[in-house]
Amino acid sequence: MYIWDQWNTNHIAKHNVLPHEAEEVIDGNPFDLDVQIINGEERTLSIGETKAGRVLIVVAAWVEEEQAIRVVTVFKPSAAQREQYDKWKGVTYGAKNKDARISKSRRRSRVVGRKPDDS
């Protein structure tokens, strides 16, 4: 479940992103880039793809009271972040290394996705 309000919907629209795209990234088992505490709130920065193949970075927080994810912002990764994502994706999903794949069924307990094995 996701929490969408006028503020976060309008904010991600400034980055040319729709709410369903942010949800697709999170639901698609993204790679976690960082966890930050901002104003006492734990926010996870994750990189992943939409169903259409668009690579995005999503910043989201788990809201315990509502048992839901609140998307803070979403944006396009830098060239370096995209290159690193493609490397991680190749290792975990590539046909050459089936043993390194991470199961899509493996879900996180909060917003977090997974940490790449070859940071």
Foldseek 3Di string as FASTA:
>chain_A
DEDDDPVAQVQQVVQVDHPLFLVQFLLQQFAWDDWDQDPNFIWTWTWGGHPVGQIKIWIWGQDVVVRHIYTRYMHHDDPVVVVVRVVLCCQQPNPVHVVNHDDSPDHDPGSHGHHRPPD
